[in-house]
Amino acid sequence: MRYILSDIHGCYEEFRELLEKIHFSETDDLYILGDAMDRGPQPMNVIQDLLARPNVTYIVGNHDYMMLRALKKLAVEITEENCENHLSSKDLMNYYYWIQDGGRITADQFRALQRDQQQCILDYLENALLYEVLEHQGKQLFLVHAGIQNFQEQKDLEQYELPDFIFGRTDYSQRYYKDFRKIVVTGHTPTPLIRSDSRPLVYQGNGHIAIDCGCVFGGNLAAYCVETEETAYVQSKKKRGNRTAVK
């Protein structure tokens, strides 16, 4: 089976619980639509777990990009030769904006790792895909983090730039592809902001499947199965103990 998750945001316990719930095994494949880190309590646990699995395909998200942009310059040995010109004011601003957008917990846990572990994580993110295309029963699923900005139906995905896939908010009321067999699968925008009922469930409509159900904000972590077209959910630990469970 092929499963799609997005925006884990350091919710490691929910992530592991969800994998158990779907009985994820070495014969399955997992596609992560970015933003495994930041905001939540255990971002390094999530990333290192993904790193250890050969059957995971990672697609870059905006938080991945911000982290990589900031830490590539910081996670190096500062020597007499480079101490004066290693960091620019732009580098420092990039780091500041990342920290302000939920990166502090990631930065703190990253700093505690050995240098070879740090480099392994940076290499993993640098090699992440911009998109992936899956096929099933005549359908094409276009997997991206945030959407496809500056969309033109006849434009090949290879012609888009990185920002087109990781920034911005998709207008889910608009269909991208006129061909109903082509579906865009995204994370990035929590589904309670998309669905008319504001529930933290996967949104499907107008040629879109949106799967960021806002776990780090108290919603759900979702795993969408390509073959069954069904979704498994695990509730955020922030909501545990609430008698009214999110279904």
C-alpha atoms as a PDB file:
ATOM      1  CA  MET A   1       0.000   0.000   0.000  1.00  0.00           C
ATOM      2  CA  ARG A   2       1.020   3.614  -0.578  1.00  0.00           C
ATOM      3  CA  TYR A   3       0.249   6.160   2.132  1.00  0.00           C
ATOM      4  CA  ILE A   4       0.488   9.955   2.091  1.00  0.00           C
ATOM      5  CA  LEU A   5       1.077  12.100   5.189  1.00  0.00           C
ATOM      6  CA  SER A   6       1.882  15.761   5.620  1.00  0.00           C
ATOM      7  CA  ASP A   7       2.810  18.375   8.203  1.00  0.00           C
ATOM      8  CA  ILE A   8       3.801  16.087  11.060  1.00  0.00           C
ATOM      9  CA  HIS A   9       5.433  19.116  12.700  1.00  0.00           C
ATOM     10  CA  GLY A  10       7.268  17.219  15.416  1.00  0.00           C
ATOM     11  CA  CYS A  11       4.218  15.207  16.566  1.00  0.00           C
ATOM     12  CA  TYR A  12       6.288  12.057  16.882  1.00  0.00           C
ATOM     13  CA  GLU A  13       4.009  10.075  19.191  1.00  0.00           C
ATOM     14  CA  GLU A  14       1.009  10.655  16.947  1.00  0.00           C
ATOM     15  CA  PHE A  15       3.126   9.733  13.921  1.00  0.00           C
ATOM     16  CA  ARG A  16       4.216   6.417  15.422  1.00  0.00           C
ATOM     17  CA  GLU A  17       0.670   5.683  16.566  1.00  0.00           C
ATOM     18  CA  LEU A  18      -0.636   6.363  13.072  1.00  0.00           C
ATOM     19  CA  LEU A  19       1.908   3.998  11.486  1.00  0.00           C
ATOM     20  CA  GLU A  20       0.789   1.294  13.898  1.00  0.00           C
ATOM     21  CA  LYS A  21      -2.846   1.998  13.094  1.00  0.00           C
ATOM     22  CA  ILE A  22      -2.331   1.474   9.354  1.00  0.00           C
ATOM     23  CA  HIS A  23      -0.034  -1.514  10.017  1.00  0.00           C
ATOM     24  CA  PHE A  24       2.730   0.152   8.032  1.00  0.00           C
ATOM     25  CA  SER A  25       5.396  -2.357   6.997  1.00  0.00           C
ATOM     26  CA  GLU A  26       8.500  -2.698   4.841  1.00  0.00           C
ATOM     27  CA  THR A  27       6.303  -3.690   1.891  1.00  0.00           C
ATOM     28  CA  ASP A  28       4.427  -0.370   2.017  1.00  0.00           C
ATOM     29  CA  ASP A  29       5.520   3.049   0.794  1.00  0.00           C
ATOM     30  CA  LEU A  30       5.164   6.343   2.620  1.00  0.00           C
ATOM     31  CA  TYR A  31       5.091   9.781   1.009  1.00  0.00           C
ATOM     32  CA  ILE A  32       5.597  12.794   3.273  1.00  0.00           C
ATOM     33  CA  LEU A  33       4.457  16.143   1.868  1.00  0.00           C
ATOM     34  CA  GLY A  34       6.956  18.160   3.875  1.00  0.00           C
ATOM     35  CA  ASP A  35       7.104  19.991   7.194  1.00  0.00           C
ATOM     36  CA  ALA A  36       8.030  17.102   9.450  1.00  0.00           C
ATOM     37  CA  MET A  37       9.709  19.543  11.834  1.00  0.00           C
ATOM     38  CA  ASP A  38       9.061  22.782  13.777  1.00  0.00           C
ATOM     39  CA  ARG A  39       6.322  23.735  16.217  1.00  0.00           C
ATOM     40  CA  GLY A  40       5.726  20.280  17.758  1.00  0.00           C
ATOM     41  CA  PRO A  41       7.661  18.638  20.631  1.00  0.00           C
ATOM     42  CA  GLN A  42       9.891  16.060  18.876  1.00  0.00           C
ATOM     43  CA  PRO A  43      10.972  17.199  15.399  1.00  0.00           C
ATOM     44  CA  MET A  44      14.349  15.434  15.439  1.00  0.00           C
ATOM     45  CA  ASN A  45      12.728  12.141  16.408  1.00  0.00           C
ATOM     46  CA  VAL A  46      10.431  12.428  13.407  1.00  0.00           C
ATOM     47  CA  ILE A  47      13.220  13.258  10.957  1.00  0.00           C
ATOM     48  CA  GLN A  48      15.548  10.541  12.240  1.00  0.00           C
ATOM     49  CA  ASP A  49      12.725   8.002  12.060  1.00  0.00           C
ATOM     50  CA  LEU A  50      12.081   8.917   8.421  1.00  0.00           C
ATOM     51  CA  LEU A  51      15.798   8.811   7.659  1.00  0.00           C
ATOM     52  CA  ALA A  52      15.987   5.229   8.869  1.00  0.00           C
ATOM     53  CA  ARG A  53      13.199   4.018   6.551  1.00  0.00           C
ATOM     54  CA  PRO A  54      14.166   3.127   2.964  1.00  0.00           C
ATOM     55  CA  ASN A  55      10.514   3.143   1.876  1.00  0.00           C
ATOM     56  CA  VAL A  56       9.889   6.842   2.562  1.00  0.00           C
ATOM     57  CA  THR A  57       9.780   9.536  -0.125  1.00  0.00           C
ATOM     58  CA  TYR A  58      10.155  13.046   1.272  1.00  0.00           C
ATOM     59  CA  ILE A  59       8.784  16.102  -0.549  1.00  0.00           C
ATOM     60  CA  VAL A  60      10.088  19.487   0.532  1.00  0.00           C
ATOM     61  CA  GLY A  61       7.907  21.918   2.475  1.00  0.00           C
ATOM     62  CA  ASN A  62       8.347  25.553   3.423  1.00  0.00           C
ATOM     63  CA  HIS A  63       9.570  24.707   6.932  1.00  0.00           C
ATOM     64  CA  ASP A  64      12.106  22.291   5.481  1.00  0.00           C
ATOM     65  CA  TYR A  65      13.332  25.040   3.199  1.00  0.00           C
ATOM     66  CA  MET A  66      13.573  27.591   6.012  1.00  0.00           C
ATOM     67  CA  MET A  67      15.439  25.139   8.232  1.00  0.00           C
ATOM     68  CA  LEU A  68      17.853  24.144   5.491  1.00  0.00           C
ATOM     69  CA  ARG A  69      18.482  27.737   4.456  1.00  0.00           C
ATOM     70  CA  ALA A  70      19.292  28.747   8.032  1.00  0.00           C
ATOM     71  CA  LEU A  71      21.269  25.742   9.248  1.00  0.00           C
ATOM     72  CA  LYS A  72      23.425  25.111   6.197  1.00  0.00           C
ATOM     73  CA  LYS A  73      25.356  28.235   7.151  1.00  0.00           C
ATOM     74  CA  LEU A  74      25.263  27.660  10.896  1.00  0.00           C
ATOM     75  CA  ALA A  75      26.040  23.923  11.094  1.00  0.00           C
ATOM     76  CA  VAL A  76      29.680  24.296  10.093  1.00  0.00           C
ATOM     77  CA  GLU A  77      32.897  24.694  11.975  1.00  0.00           C
ATOM     78  CA  ILE A  78      33.771  28.363  12.393  1.00  0.00           C
ATOM     79  CA  THR A  79      37.478  28.941  11.798  1.00  0.00           C
ATOM     80  CA  GLU A  80      39.708  31.978  11.772  1.00  0.00           C
ATOM     81  CA  GLU A  81      39.516  31.979   7.990  1.00  0.00           C
ATOM     82  CA  ASN A  82      35.736  32.125   7.761  1.00  0.00           C
ATOM     83  CA  CYS A  83      34.648  33.779  11.021  1.00  0.00           C
ATOM     84  CA  GLU A  84      34.597  37.291   9.563  1.00  0.00           C
ATOM     85  CA  ASN A  85      32.705  36.561   6.382  1.00  0.00           C
ATOM     86  CA  HIS A  86      30.809  33.350   7.100  1.00  0.00           C
ATOM     87  CA  LEU A  87      27.443  34.854   8.069  1.00  0.00           C
ATOM     88  CA  SER A  88      25.796  37.770   6.332  1.00  0.00           C
ATOM     89  CA  SER A  89      22.974  39.919   7.657  1.00  0.00           C
ATOM     90  CA  LYS A  90      20.671  38.009   5.299  1.00  0.00           C
ATOM     91  CA  ASP A  91      21.723  34.704   6.880  1.00  0.00           C
ATOM     92  CA  LEU A  92      20.904  36.065  10.316  1.00  0.00           C
ATOM     93  CA  MET A  93      17.525  37.344   9.142  1.00  0.00           C
ATOM     94  CA  ASN A  94      16.723  33.960   7.591  1.00  0.00           C
ATOM     95  CA  TYR A  95      17.490  32.321  10.915  1.00  0.00           C
ATOM     96  CA  TYR A  96      15.378  34.870  12.796  1.00  0.00           C
ATOM     97  CA  TYR A  97      12.339  34.375  10.551  1.00  0.00           C
ATOM     98  CA  TRP A  98      12.619  30.589  10.838  1.00  0.00           C
ATOM     99  CA  ILE A  99      12.807  30.756  14.647  1.00  0.00           C
ATOM    100  CA  GLN A 100       9.793  33.065  14.717  1.00  0.00           C
ATOM    101  CA  ASP A 101       7.823  30.594  12.572  1.00  0.00           C
ATOM    102  CA  GLY A 102       8.198  27.676  14.977  1.00  0.00           C
ATOM    103  CA  GLY A 103      11.816  26.688  14.366  1.00  0.00           C
ATOM    104  CA  ARG A 104      13.257  27.192  17.851  1.00  0.00           C
ATOM    105  CA  ILE A 105      12.497  23.696  19.148  1.00  0.00           C
ATOM    106  CA  THR A 106      13.983  22.207  15.980  1.00  0.00           C
ATOM    107  CA  ALA A 107      17.084  24.386  16.293  1.00  0.00           C
ATOM    108  CA  ASP A 108      17.585  23.402  19.937  1.00  0.00           C
ATOM    109  CA  GLN A 109      17.255  19.673  19.246  1.00  0.00           C
ATOM    110  CA  PHE A 110      19.393  19.905  16.110  1.00  0.00           C
ATOM    111  CA  ARG A 111      22.165  21.617  18.054  1.00  0.00           C
ATOM    112  CA  ALA A 112      22.247  18.699  20.535  1.00  0.00           C
ATOM    113  CA  LEU A 113      23.099  16.185  17.782  1.00  0.00           C
ATOM    114  CA  GLN A 114      26.548  15.061  16.718  1.00  0.00           C
ATOM    115  CA  ARG A 115      27.918  16.890  13.684  1.00  0.00           C
ATOM    116  CA  ASP A 116      27.649  13.821  11.435  1.00  0.00           C
ATOM    117  CA  GLN A 117      23.991  13.424  12.430  1.00  0.00           C
ATOM    118  CA  GLN A 118      23.365  17.073  11.663  1.00  0.00           C
ATOM    119  CA  GLN A 119      24.928  16.761   8.237  1.00  0.00           C
ATOM    120  CA  CYS A 120      22.914  13.630   7.495  1.00  0.00           C
ATOM    121  CA  ILE A 121      19.682  15.519   8.205  1.00  0.00           C
ATOM    122  CA  LEU A 122      20.712  18.495   6.093  1.00  0.00           C
ATOM    123  CA  ASP A 123      21.641  16.190   3.204  1.00  0.00           C
ATOM    124  CA  TYR A 124      18.281  14.419   3.524  1.00  0.00           C
ATOM    125  CA  LEU A 125      16.358  17.671   3.268  1.00  0.00           C
ATOM    126  CA  GLU A 126      18.541  18.987   0.465  1.00  0.00           C
ATOM    127  CA  ASN A 127      17.775  15.869  -1.561  1.00  0.00           C
ATOM    128  CA  ALA A 128      14.021  16.047  -0.946  1.00  0.00           C
ATOM    129  CA  LEU A 129      11.786  16.107  -4.018  1.00  0.00           C
ATOM    130  CA  LEU A 130       9.809  19.111  -5.211  1.00  0.00           C
ATOM    131  CA  TYR A 131       6.909  16.878  -6.247  1.00  0.00           C
ATOM    132  CA  GLU A 132       5.954  13.284  -7.006  1.00  0.00           C
ATOM    133  CA  VAL A 133       3.374  11.804  -9.360  1.00  0.00           C
ATOM    134  CA  LEU A 134       1.555   8.595  -8.455  1.00  0.00           C
ATOM    135  CA  GLU A 135      -0.782   6.612 -10.682  1.00  0.00           C
ATOM    136  CA  HIS A 136      -3.668   4.402  -9.648  1.00  0.00           C
ATOM    137  CA  GLN A 137      -6.545   3.001 -11.706  1.00  0.00           C
ATOM    138  CA  GLY A 138      -6.194   5.591 -14.442  1.00  0.00           C
ATOM    139  CA  LYS A 139      -5.813   8.505 -12.019  1.00  0.00           C
ATOM    140  CA  GLN A 140      -2.768  10.690 -11.538  1.00  0.00           C
ATOM    141  CA  LEU A 141      -2.024  12.123  -8.105  1.00  0.00           C
ATOM    142  CA  PHE A 142       0.281  15.157  -8.098  1.00  0.00           C
ATOM    143  CA  LEU A 143       1.928  15.289  -4.670  1.00  0.00           C
ATOM    144  CA  VAL A 144       3.224  18.713  -3.595  1.00  0.00           C
ATOM    145  CA  HIS A 145       3.520  20.541  -0.311  1.00  0.00           C
ATOM    146  CA  ALA A 146       1.459  23.715  -0.695  1.00  0.00           C
ATOM    147  CA  GLY A 147       0.054  23.650  -4.209  1.00  0.00           C
ATOM    148  CA  ILE A 148       1.131  24.827  -7.649  1.00  0.00           C
ATOM    149  CA  GLN A 149       1.414  28.589  -7.831  1.00  0.00           C
ATOM    150  CA  ASN A 150       1.343  30.341 -11.223  1.00  0.00           C
ATOM    151  CA  PHE A 151      -0.463  27.273 -12.531  1.00  0.00           C
ATOM    152  CA  GLN A 152      -0.906  26.711 -16.254  1.00  0.00           C
ATOM    153  CA  GLU A 153      -2.548  23.481 -17.313  1.00  0.00           C
ATOM    154  CA  GLN A 154      -0.213  22.857 -20.243  1.00  0.00           C
ATOM    155  CA  LYS A 155       2.909  23.621 -18.209  1.00  0.00           C
ATOM    156  CA  ASP A 156       5.044  20.648 -17.205  1.00  0.00           C
ATOM    157  CA  LEU A 157       5.813  20.324 -13.502  1.00  0.00           C
ATOM    158  CA  GLU A 158       9.535  20.467 -14.238  1.00  0.00           C
ATOM    159  CA  GLN A 159       9.072  24.027 -15.461  1.00  0.00           C
ATOM    160  CA  TYR A 160       7.947  25.340 -12.070  1.00  0.00           C
ATOM    161  CA  GLU A 161      10.295  26.800  -9.469  1.00  0.00           C
ATOM    162  CA  LEU A 162      10.708  25.773  -5.828  1.00  0.00           C
ATOM    163  CA  PRO A 163       8.587  28.649  -4.417  1.00  0.00           C
ATOM    164  CA  ASP A 164       5.672  27.577  -6.628  1.00  0.00           C
ATOM    165  CA  PHE A 165       5.403  24.325  -4.661  1.00  0.00           C
ATOM    166  CA  ILE A 166       6.081  25.369  -1.055  1.00  0.00           C
ATOM    167  CA  PHE A 167       4.611  28.825  -0.469  1.00  0.00           C
ATOM    168  CA  GLY A 168       1.201  30.385  -0.911  1.00  0.00           C
ATOM    169  CA  ARG A 169      -2.267  29.054  -0.221  1.00  0.00           C
ATOM    170  CA  THR A 170      -4.192  26.999  -2.727  1.00  0.00           C
ATOM    171  CA  ASP A 171      -7.676  28.151  -3.673  1.00  0.00           C
ATOM    172  CA  TYR A 172      -9.497  24.877  -3.089  1.00  0.00           C
ATOM    173  CA  SER A 173     -12.665  26.230  -4.670  1.00  0.00           C
ATOM    174  CA  GLN A 174     -10.863  26.226  -8.018  1.00  0.00           C
ATOM    175  CA  ARG A 175      -9.932  23.168 -10.061  1.00  0.00           C
ATOM    176  CA  TYR A 176      -6.396  23.005 -11.467  1.00  0.00           C
ATOM    177  CA  TYR A 177      -6.754  20.303 -14.096  1.00  0.00           C
ATOM    178  CA  LYS A 178      -9.871  20.025 -16.223  1.00  0.00           C
ATOM    179  CA  ASP A 179      -9.137  16.310 -16.565  1.00  0.00           C
ATOM    180  CA  PHE A 180     -10.977  14.748 -13.593  1.00  0.00           C
ATOM    181  CA  ARG A 181      -8.397  11.958 -13.491  1.00  0.00           C
ATOM    182  CA  LYS A 182      -5.704  14.444 -12.417  1.00  0.00           C
ATOM    183  CA  ILE A 183      -5.772  15.279  -8.713  1.00  0.00           C
ATOM    184  CA  VAL A 184      -3.498  17.589  -6.719  1.00  0.00           C
ATOM    185  CA  VAL A 185      -2.627  16.337  -3.212  1.00  0.00           C
ATOM    186  CA  THR A 186      -1.394  18.941  -0.748  1.00  0.00           C
ATOM    187  CA  GLY A 187      -0.553  19.677   2.859  1.00  0.00           C
ATOM    188  CA  HIS A 188       0.429  23.112   4.206  1.00  0.00           C
ATOM    189  CA  THR A 189      -3.045  24.566   4.763  1.00  0.00           C
ATOM    190  CA  PRO A 190      -4.862  22.943   7.713  1.00  0.00           C
ATOM    191  CA  THR A 191      -8.112  21.462   6.503  1.00  0.00           C
ATOM    192  CA  PRO A 192     -10.295  23.176   9.180  1.00  0.00           C
ATOM    193  CA  LEU A 193      -9.500  26.349   7.213  1.00  0.00           C
ATOM    194  CA  ILE A 194     -10.726  24.686   4.008  1.00  0.00           C
ATOM    195  CA  ARG A 195     -13.745  22.612   4.988  1.00  0.00           C
ATOM    196  CA  SER A 196     -17.108  24.309   5.406  1.00  0.00           C
ATOM    197  CA  ASP A 197     -17.641  22.401   8.658  1.00  0.00           C
ATOM    198  CA  SER A 198     -14.166  23.389   9.995  1.00  0.00           C
ATOM    199  CA  ARG A 199     -13.455  19.790  11.041  1.00  0.00           C
ATOM    200  CA  PRO A 200      -9.876  18.437  11.067  1.00  0.00           C
ATOM    201  CA  LEU A 201     -10.547  15.855   8.370  1.00  0.00           C
ATOM    202  CA  VAL A 202      -9.160  15.366   4.878  1.00  0.00           C
ATOM    203  CA  TYR A 203     -10.750  17.642   2.282  1.00  0.00           C
ATOM    204  CA  GLN A 204     -11.638  16.291  -1.162  1.00  0.00           C
ATOM    205  CA  GLY A 205     -13.198  18.342  -3.911  1.00  0.00           C
ATOM    206  CA  ASN A 206     -12.563  20.243  -7.156  1.00  0.00           C
ATOM    207  CA  GLY A 207      -9.672  17.985  -8.069  1.00  0.00           C
ATOM    208  CA  HIS A 208      -7.936  18.455  -4.706  1.00  0.00           C
ATOM    209  CA  ILE A 209      -7.091  16.247  -1.760  1.00  0.00           C
ATOM    210  CA  ALA A 210      -5.835  18.240   1.238  1.00  0.00           C
ATOM    211  CA  ILE A 211      -4.395  16.135   4.043  1.00  0.00           C
ATOM    212  CA  ASP A 212      -2.912  18.516   6.640  1.00  0.00           C
ATOM    213  CA  CYS A 213      -5.478  18.078   9.373  1.00  0.00           C
ATOM    214  CA  GLY A 214      -3.678  20.355  11.825  1.00  0.00           C
ATOM    215  CA  CYS A 215      -2.314  17.834  14.309  1.00  0.00           C
ATOM    216  CA  VAL A 216       0.144  20.281  15.888  1.00  0.00           C
ATOM    217  CA  PHE A 217      -2.737  22.721  16.429  1.00  0.00           C
ATOM    218  CA  GLY A 218      -4.937  20.140  18.158  1.00  0.00           C
ATOM    219  CA  GLY A 219      -6.528  18.472  15.136  1.00  0.00           C
ATOM    220  CA  ASN A 220      -5.624  15.116  13.603  1.00  0.00           C
ATOM    221  CA  LEU A 221      -2.702  13.476  11.868  1.00  0.00           C
ATOM    222  CA  ALA A 222      -3.979  11.783   8.710  1.00  0.00           C
ATOM    223  CA  ALA A 223      -2.708   8.984   6.452  1.00  0.00           C
ATOM    224  CA  TYR A 224      -4.389   8.792   3.053  1.00  0.00           C
ATOM    225  CA  CYS A 225      -4.119   5.432   1.276  1.00  0.00           C
ATOM    226  CA  VAL A 226      -3.735   5.639  -2.506  1.00  0.00           C
ATOM    227  CA  GLU A 227      -5.072   2.142  -3.180  1.00  0.00           C
ATOM    228  CA  THR A 228      -8.163   2.197  -0.934  1.00  0.00           C
ATOM    229  CA  GLU A 229      -8.785   5.961  -1.083  1.00  0.00           C
ATOM    230  CA  GLU A 230      -9.477   5.792   2.644  1.00  0.00           C
ATOM    231  CA  THR A 231      -7.973   7.858   5.442  1.00  0.00           C
ATOM    232  CA  ALA A 232      -6.783   6.807   8.888  1.00  0.00           C
ATOM    233  CA  TYR A 233      -6.629   9.405  11.659  1.00  0.00           C
ATOM    234  CA  VAL A 234      -4.878   9.808  14.984  1.00  0.00           C
ATOM    235  CA  GLN A 235      -6.020  12.575  17.265  1.00  0.00           C
ATOM    236  CA  SER A 236      -3.551  15.164  18.502  1.00  0.00           C
ATOM    237  CA  LYS A 237      -2.291  14.610  22.015  1.00  0.00           C
ATOM    238  CA  LYS A 238      -3.408  18.164  22.700  1.00  0.00           C
ATOM    239  CA  LYS A 239      -6.986  16.885  22.446  1.00  0.00           C
ATOM    240  CA  ARG A 240      -6.536  13.702  24.481  1.00  0.00           C
ATOM    241  CA  GLY A 241      -8.672  13.778  27.540  1.00  0.00           C
ATOM    242  CA  ASN A 242     -11.348  15.806  25.789  1.00  0.00           C
ATOM    243  CA  ARG A 243     -14.518  13.728  26.041  1.00  0.00           C
ATOM    244  CA  THR A 244     -15.664  14.856  22.592  1.00  0.00           C
ATOM    245  CA  ALA A 245     -13.218  13.070  20.294  1.00  0.00           C
ATOM    246  CA  VAL A 246     -12.504  14.391  16.831  1.00  0.00           C
ATOM    247  CA  LYS A 247     -13.599  11.785  14.317  1.00  0.00           C
END
